[in-house]
Protein backbone atom coordinates (compact mmCIF):
# COMPACT_ATOMS: atom_id res chain seq x y z
CA MET A 1 2.00 -7.56 -33.73
CA SER A 2 -0.19 -10.48 -33.49
CA GLN A 3 -2.84 -10.46 -30.94
CA ALA A 4 -1.17 -13.28 -29.06
CA ASN A 5 1.75 -11.00 -28.47
CA THR A 6 -0.11 -7.96 -27.29
CA MET A 7 -2.18 -6.85 -24.19
CA HIS A 8 -4.25 -4.03 -23.01
CA ALA A 9 -2.89 -1.53 -20.50
CA ILE A 10 -3.81 1.87 -19.08
CA SER A 11 -1.23 4.41 -20.16
CA GLN A 12 -0.93 8.25 -20.28
CA ASP A 13 1.10 10.44 -22.52
CA VAL A 14 0.94 13.59 -20.40
CA LEU A 15 0.57 14.39 -16.66
CA GLY A 16 -2.68 15.64 -15.36
CA GLY A 17 -6.09 14.58 -14.10
CA PRO A 18 -7.87 11.18 -14.56
CA GLU A 19 -8.96 12.26 -18.07
CA VAL A 20 -5.18 11.68 -19.27
CA LEU A 21 -5.53 7.91 -18.67
CA LYS A 22 -6.39 5.75 -21.73
CA GLU A 23 -6.58 2.15 -22.61
CA VAL A 24 -3.82 1.25 -25.08
CA GLU A 25 -2.56 -1.93 -26.92
CA LYS A 26 1.07 -2.74 -26.04
CA GLU A 27 3.52 -5.66 -26.65
CA ARG A 28 3.17 -8.30 -24.04
CA PRO A 29 6.39 -8.40 -21.90
CA ALA A 30 8.58 -11.49 -21.54
CA PRO A 31 10.13 -12.54 -18.23
CA GLY A 32 13.87 -12.05 -17.89
CA PRO A 33 16.20 -13.95 -15.59
CA SER A 34 14.60 -14.50 -12.13
CA GLU A 35 11.34 -12.98 -13.29
CA LEU A 36 7.69 -14.05 -13.53
CA LEU A 37 5.30 -13.06 -16.40
CA VAL A 38 2.06 -12.74 -14.48
CA ARG A 39 -1.46 -12.63 -16.07
CA VAL A 40 -3.04 -9.85 -13.91
CA ARG A 41 -6.46 -10.70 -12.45
CA ALA A 42 -6.75 -7.70 -10.10
CA ALA A 43 -4.53 -4.64 -9.40
CA GLY A 44 -5.04 -2.43 -6.52
CA LEU A 45 -4.86 1.47 -6.57
CA ASN A 46 -3.01 3.55 -4.09
CA PRO A 47 -2.53 7.36 -3.53
CA THR A 48 0.90 7.10 -5.15
CA ASP A 49 -0.98 6.22 -8.38
CA TRP A 50 -2.82 9.56 -8.59
CA LYS A 51 0.16 11.40 -7.38
CA HIS A 52 2.36 10.07 -10.04
CA ARG A 53 -0.33 10.42 -12.71
CA ALA A 54 -0.52 14.27 -11.88
CA GLY A 55 3.17 14.60 -11.64
CA GLY A 56 3.95 14.48 -7.96
CA GLY A 57 6.17 11.27 -7.82
CA PHE A 58 9.41 9.70 -8.71
CA LEU A 59 8.72 8.75 -12.28
CA LYS A 60 10.00 10.81 -15.23
CA GLU A 61 7.94 12.12 -18.09
CA PRO A 62 5.33 9.82 -19.43
CA PRO A 63 4.28 7.71 -21.47
CA PHE A 64 4.08 5.13 -18.58
CA VAL A 65 1.70 2.53 -17.11
CA LEU A 66 1.02 2.89 -13.37
CA GLY A 67 0.29 0.41 -10.76
CA TRP A 68 2.20 -1.62 -8.15
CA ASP A 69 -0.33 -4.05 -6.60
CA VAL A 70 -0.79 -7.28 -8.41
CA SER A 71 -2.79 -10.57 -7.91
CA GLY A 72 -2.71 -13.00 -10.78
CA VAL A 73 -1.62 -16.23 -12.26
CA VAL A 74 1.98 -17.07 -13.43
CA GLU A 75 2.08 -17.38 -17.17
CA SER A 76 5.67 -18.18 -17.53
CA ILE A 77 8.91 -17.95 -15.72
CA GLY A 78 12.45 -16.74 -16.53
CA ILE A 79 15.56 -18.68 -16.06
CA GLY A 80 16.60 -19.35 -12.52
CA VAL A 81 13.07 -19.11 -10.90
CA THR A 82 12.52 -21.97 -8.42
CA LEU A 83 9.66 -20.50 -6.25
CA PHE A 84 6.88 -20.61 -8.63
CA LYS A 85 5.79 -22.43 -11.84
CA PRO A 86 3.25 -21.56 -14.55
CA GLY A 87 -0.36 -21.78 -13.26
CA ASP A 88 0.55 -20.73 -9.62
CA GLU A 89 -1.64 -18.01 -8.10
CA VAL A 90 0.39 -15.22 -6.74
CA PHE A 91 0.16 -11.72 -5.27
CA GLY A 92 2.78 -9.09 -4.55
CA MET A 93 4.03 -5.52 -4.98
CA LEU A 94 6.04 -4.62 -8.11
CA PRO A 95 9.46 -2.99 -7.05
CA TYR A 96 8.63 0.49 -5.84
CA PRO A 97 8.92 3.09 -7.36
CA TYR A 98 10.45 2.10 -10.70
CA GLY A 99 8.88 -1.35 -11.29
CA HIS A 100 5.39 0.13 -11.95
CA GLY A 101 3.05 -1.33 -14.63
CA ALA A 102 0.31 -3.35 -12.91
CA HIS A 103 -2.48 -1.74 -14.57
CA ALA A 104 -2.22 -4.14 -17.58
CA GLN A 105 -3.31 -7.51 -18.51
CA TYR A 106 0.27 -8.88 -18.06
CA VAL A 107 3.30 -7.72 -16.11
CA THR A 108 6.77 -8.98 -15.45
CA ALA A 109 8.63 -8.60 -12.06
CA PRO A 110 11.17 -10.42 -9.99
CA ALA A 111 9.81 -13.62 -8.60
CA ARG A 112 10.70 -12.63 -5.18
CA ALA A 113 8.38 -9.70 -5.29
CA PHE A 114 5.60 -12.18 -4.98
CA ALA A 115 4.12 -14.76 -2.56
CA ALA A 116 1.57 -17.45 -3.04
CA LYS A 117 -1.93 -16.08 -2.93
CA PRO A 118 -3.89 -17.44 0.06
CA ALA A 119 -6.56 -19.84 -1.12
CA ASN A 120 -9.22 -18.25 1.12
CA VAL A 121 -9.43 -14.94 -0.72
CA ASP A 122 -10.15 -14.10 -4.37
CA HIS A 123 -7.97 -12.04 -6.74
CA GLU A 124 -9.93 -8.83 -6.04
CA GLN A 125 -9.14 -9.18 -2.32
CA ALA A 126 -5.53 -10.19 -2.86
CA GLY A 127 -4.96 -7.45 -5.28
CA ALA A 128 -5.90 -4.79 -2.83
CA ILE A 129 -3.48 -5.82 -0.29
CA PRO A 130 0.23 -5.67 -1.28
CA LEU A 131 1.60 -2.11 -1.38
CA ALA A 132 -0.45 -0.86 1.53
CA ALA A 133 0.03 -3.98 3.70
CA LEU A 134 3.81 -4.03 2.96
CA THR A 135 4.13 -0.52 3.96
CA ALA A 136 2.40 -1.13 7.25
CA TRP A 137 4.46 -4.32 7.79
CA GLN A 138 7.79 -2.69 7.12
CA ALA A 139 6.84 0.22 9.46
CA LEU A 140 5.30 -1.64 12.32
CA VAL A 141 7.11 -4.86 12.31
CA ASP A 142 10.45 -4.57 10.51
CA THR A 143 11.13 -0.95 11.73
CA ALA A 144 9.25 -0.43 14.99
CA ASP A 145 9.12 -4.13 16.16
CA VAL A 146 5.66 -3.60 17.74
CA ARG A 147 5.22 -5.84 20.79
CA PRO A 148 2.21 -6.95 22.79
CA GLY A 149 0.78 -4.07 25.04
CA GLN A 150 2.45 -1.30 23.22
CA ARG A 151 0.44 1.85 22.43
CA VAL A 152 0.33 2.46 18.71
CA LEU A 153 -1.09 5.68 17.08
CA ILE A 154 -2.09 5.34 13.34
CA HIS A 155 -3.15 8.44 11.47
CA ALA A 156 -5.70 8.31 8.63
CA THR A 157 -6.80 5.03 10.15
CA ALA A 158 -9.54 4.42 7.62
CA GLY A 159 -7.27 4.87 4.54
CA GLY A 160 -5.52 2.10 2.51
CA VAL A 161 -2.42 1.92 4.56
CA GLY A 162 -4.12 2.76 7.85
CA HIS A 163 -6.89 0.19 8.01
CA LEU A 164 -4.40 -2.64 7.16
CA ALA A 165 -1.94 -1.17 9.75
CA VAL A 166 -4.60 -1.51 12.51
CA GLN A 167 -5.02 -5.19 11.67
CA ILE A 168 -1.21 -5.82 11.68
CA ALA A 169 -0.84 -3.74 14.91
CA LYS A 170 -3.65 -5.74 16.50
CA ALA A 171 -2.17 -9.15 15.41
CA ARG A 172 1.01 -8.07 17.18
CA GLY A 173 -1.04 -7.46 20.35
CA ALA A 174 -0.91 -3.56 20.34
CA TYR A 175 -3.35 -1.06 21.83
CA VAL A 176 -4.31 0.91 18.78
CA ILE A 177 -5.42 4.62 18.73
CA GLY A 178 -6.60 5.86 15.38
CA THR A 179 -7.32 9.30 13.87
CA ALA A 180 -10.42 9.61 11.48
CA SER A 181 -13.50 11.74 11.15
CA ALA A 182 -16.40 10.76 13.43
CA GLY A 183 -18.34 9.20 10.62
CA LYS A 184 -15.67 6.57 10.10
CA HIS A 185 -15.29 5.48 13.71
CA ASP A 186 -17.73 2.54 13.55
CA PHE A 187 -15.50 1.28 10.66
CA LEU A 188 -12.35 1.85 12.83
CA ARG A 189 -14.00 -0.07 15.80
CA ARG A 190 -14.69 -3.01 13.53
CA LEU A 191 -11.14 -3.05 12.38
CA GLY A 192 -10.15 -3.35 16.14
CA VAL A 193 -9.15 0.29 16.90
CA ASP A 194 -9.24 0.63 20.73
CA GLU A 195 -9.43 4.40 20.80
CA PRO A 196 -10.71 6.32 17.85
CA VAL A 197 -9.89 10.20 17.80
CA ASP A 198 -11.96 12.66 15.66
CA TYR A 199 -9.19 14.86 14.23
CA ARG A 200 -11.73 17.38 12.96
CA GLU A 201 -13.04 18.10 16.51
CA THR A 202 -10.04 17.31 18.62
CA ASP A 203 -6.40 18.05 18.57
CA PHE A 204 -4.97 14.74 18.96
CA THR A 205 -1.96 16.10 20.77
CA GLU A 206 -4.33 17.13 23.64
CA VAL A 207 -5.90 13.65 24.23
CA VAL A 208 -3.21 11.22 23.28
CA SER A 209 0.09 10.62 25.20
CA GLY A 210 2.56 7.94 26.10
CA VAL A 211 2.51 6.25 22.81
CA ASP A 212 5.28 3.88 21.76
CA VAL A 213 5.00 4.12 17.99
CA VAL A 214 3.28 6.47 15.61
CA LEU A 215 2.59 5.62 12.04
CA ASP A 216 2.21 8.87 10.10
CA THR A 217 0.46 8.42 6.81
CA VAL A 218 -0.65 12.12 6.44
CA GLY A 219 2.57 14.24 6.44
CA GLY A 220 2.62 18.03 6.89
CA ASP A 221 2.56 19.25 10.54
CA TYR A 222 1.33 15.85 11.68
CA ARG A 223 4.98 14.66 11.69
CA SER A 224 6.19 17.30 14.20
CA ARG A 225 3.05 17.27 16.18
CA SER A 226 3.04 13.38 16.48
CA LEU A 227 6.53 13.59 18.05
CA ARG A 228 4.95 15.22 21.23
CA VAL A 229 2.60 12.43 21.88
CA LEU A 230 5.52 9.82 22.04
CA ARG A 231 6.95 8.45 25.26
CA GLU A 232 10.56 9.00 25.85
CA GLY A 233 12.41 6.84 23.39
CA GLY A 234 9.29 6.32 21.27
CA LEU A 235 9.36 6.17 17.51
CA LEU A 236 7.59 7.96 14.64
CA VAL A 237 7.62 6.22 11.30
CA SER A 238 6.58 8.36 8.39
CA ILE A 239 5.66 6.78 5.11
CA LEU A 240 5.85 10.20 3.39
CA PRO A 241 9.76 10.71 3.26
CA LYS A 242 11.06 14.12 2.46
CA GLY A 243 14.70 13.28 2.62
CA SER A 244 15.34 16.07 5.14
CA LYS A 245 17.14 16.26 8.49
CA GLU A 246 14.72 18.45 10.24
CA LEU A 247 12.25 15.73 11.53
CA GLY A 248 15.31 13.77 13.10
CA GLU A 249 16.79 16.82 14.66
CA GLU A 250 13.48 17.75 16.26
CA ALA A 251 12.94 14.20 17.51
CA ASP A 252 16.48 14.29 19.12
CA ARG A 253 15.49 17.48 21.00
CA LEU A 254 12.38 15.81 22.36
CA GLY A 255 14.12 12.46 23.36
CA VAL A 256 12.37 10.32 20.76
CA ARG A 257 13.08 8.77 17.47
CA ALA A 258 11.80 9.59 13.80
CA VAL A 259 12.41 7.58 10.58
CA GLU A 260 11.09 7.96 7.13
CA LEU A 261 10.20 4.89 5.22
CA LEU A 262 9.79 4.06 1.47
CA VAL A 263 8.19 0.61 0.92
CA GLU A 264 10.23 -2.07 -0.77
CA ALA A 265 9.33 -5.18 -2.76
CA ASP A 266 9.76 -7.93 -0.22
CA HIS A 267 9.16 -11.69 -0.53
CA ALA A 268 9.57 -12.42 3.25
CA GLY A 269 7.08 -9.54 4.07
CA MET A 270 4.62 -10.71 1.51
CA THR A 271 4.87 -14.25 2.89
CA ALA A 272 4.12 -13.08 6.45
CA ILE A 273 1.23 -10.97 5.18
CA ALA A 274 -0.08 -13.98 3.29
CA GLU A 275 -0.06 -15.94 6.54
CA LEU A 276 -2.24 -13.21 8.30
CA VAL A 277 -4.71 -13.32 5.26
CA ALA A 278 -4.76 -16.97 5.44
CA ALA A 279 -5.50 -16.92 9.28
CA GLY A 280 -8.31 -14.42 8.71
CA GLU A 281 -6.51 -11.69 10.58
CA LEU A 282 -5.93 -9.29 7.68
CA ARG A 283 -8.45 -8.19 5.01
CA ALA A 284 -8.77 -5.22 2.81
CA ALA A 285 -11.92 -3.18 2.77
CA ILE A 286 -12.83 -2.78 -0.88
CA ALA A 287 -14.08 0.81 -1.52
CA GLY A 288 -14.83 0.13 -5.06
CA SER A 289 -14.03 -2.18 -7.94
CA PHE A 290 -13.71 -1.16 -11.68
CA PRO A 291 -12.83 -2.87 -14.99
CA LEU A 292 -9.53 -2.03 -16.21
CA ALA A 293 -10.96 0.16 -18.93
CA ASP A 294 -12.55 2.30 -16.26
CA ALA A 295 -9.28 3.23 -14.51
CA ALA A 296 -9.99 6.90 -14.90
CA LYS A 297 -13.25 6.57 -12.91
CA ALA A 298 -11.23 4.82 -10.07
CA HIS A 299 -8.58 7.56 -10.10
CA ALA A 300 -11.30 10.22 -9.96
CA LEU A 301 -12.75 8.59 -6.86
CA GLY A 302 -9.19 8.28 -5.37
CA ASP A 303 -8.71 11.86 -6.12
CA THR A 304 -11.39 12.76 -3.51
CA GLY A 305 -9.37 11.45 -0.68
CA ARG A 306 -12.51 10.24 1.06
CA THR A 307 -12.56 6.43 0.28
CA MET A 308 -12.37 4.04 3.13
CA GLY A 309 -10.04 1.12 2.37
CA LYS A 310 -8.79 0.28 -1.16
CA LEU A 311 -9.91 0.76 -4.81
CA VAL A 312 -9.19 -2.16 -7.16
CA LEU A 313 -9.08 -2.67 -10.97
CA VAL A 314 -10.43 -6.08 -12.03
CA VAL A 315 -8.70 -7.39 -15.24
CA ASP A 316 -10.31 -9.85 -17.66
């Protein structure tokens, strides 16, 4: 393969810890019908990346290249694409879960997985946003239709999805309650959280009630416990779907609703998110940036579960 037809990517041959990740040279992809070839400038990391790396996700056996968040420049377009042209700056989420591959110098994906990158943010910021913001948007707007004055409880509020969900909920006019350890409460208040709750010292079910919407980003017993703080007819959206009927059955008994959401690539959602970013109403907190070759270091930091905001790979 000539150098012009190859690219660097972060791949793995086995499941395991961050040490299984390695920089490899691969053939550069070409866009198919309705696809873009994007030169990646930045690619966010999400908990789903370290889960899949270790073997806790949807993907089959490696080798594979992880990553769903992309911000970059359109290199070329496939037949039928009308939304973008070469040279356009775009950002978006590759189709989840099987469209992975963002942790590379180039990636192909459906044109409608992307939106135009807002001019007021750089690629590092834009690359941190798509998957987490789309998850929050699809939960709070598309699914829950959060409206002004509603009470919204967001768990793990300082995390990737959580901190963007706060900003989306506030943009919709909601009163936001957020769970996080006490050391993160100043960060939560800067985001716009009206009522921080220290989950380590306080059982949130004892201090929170009458909630219209709960966004569960934690799973475990948080799902069933959160049902008890909802008002009658309130809605729990869990972004950690198990595919079981138990949550819905328990919600029915309590007179509330519960759904499980898996994020989808979404041009309309990305466009709405881009508008919030352009208006200065949505911004990712960058917990750390790493060159592509240091992806293992980024994964190791992500594995701690203690970061606030997002980790990003910056691609030359």
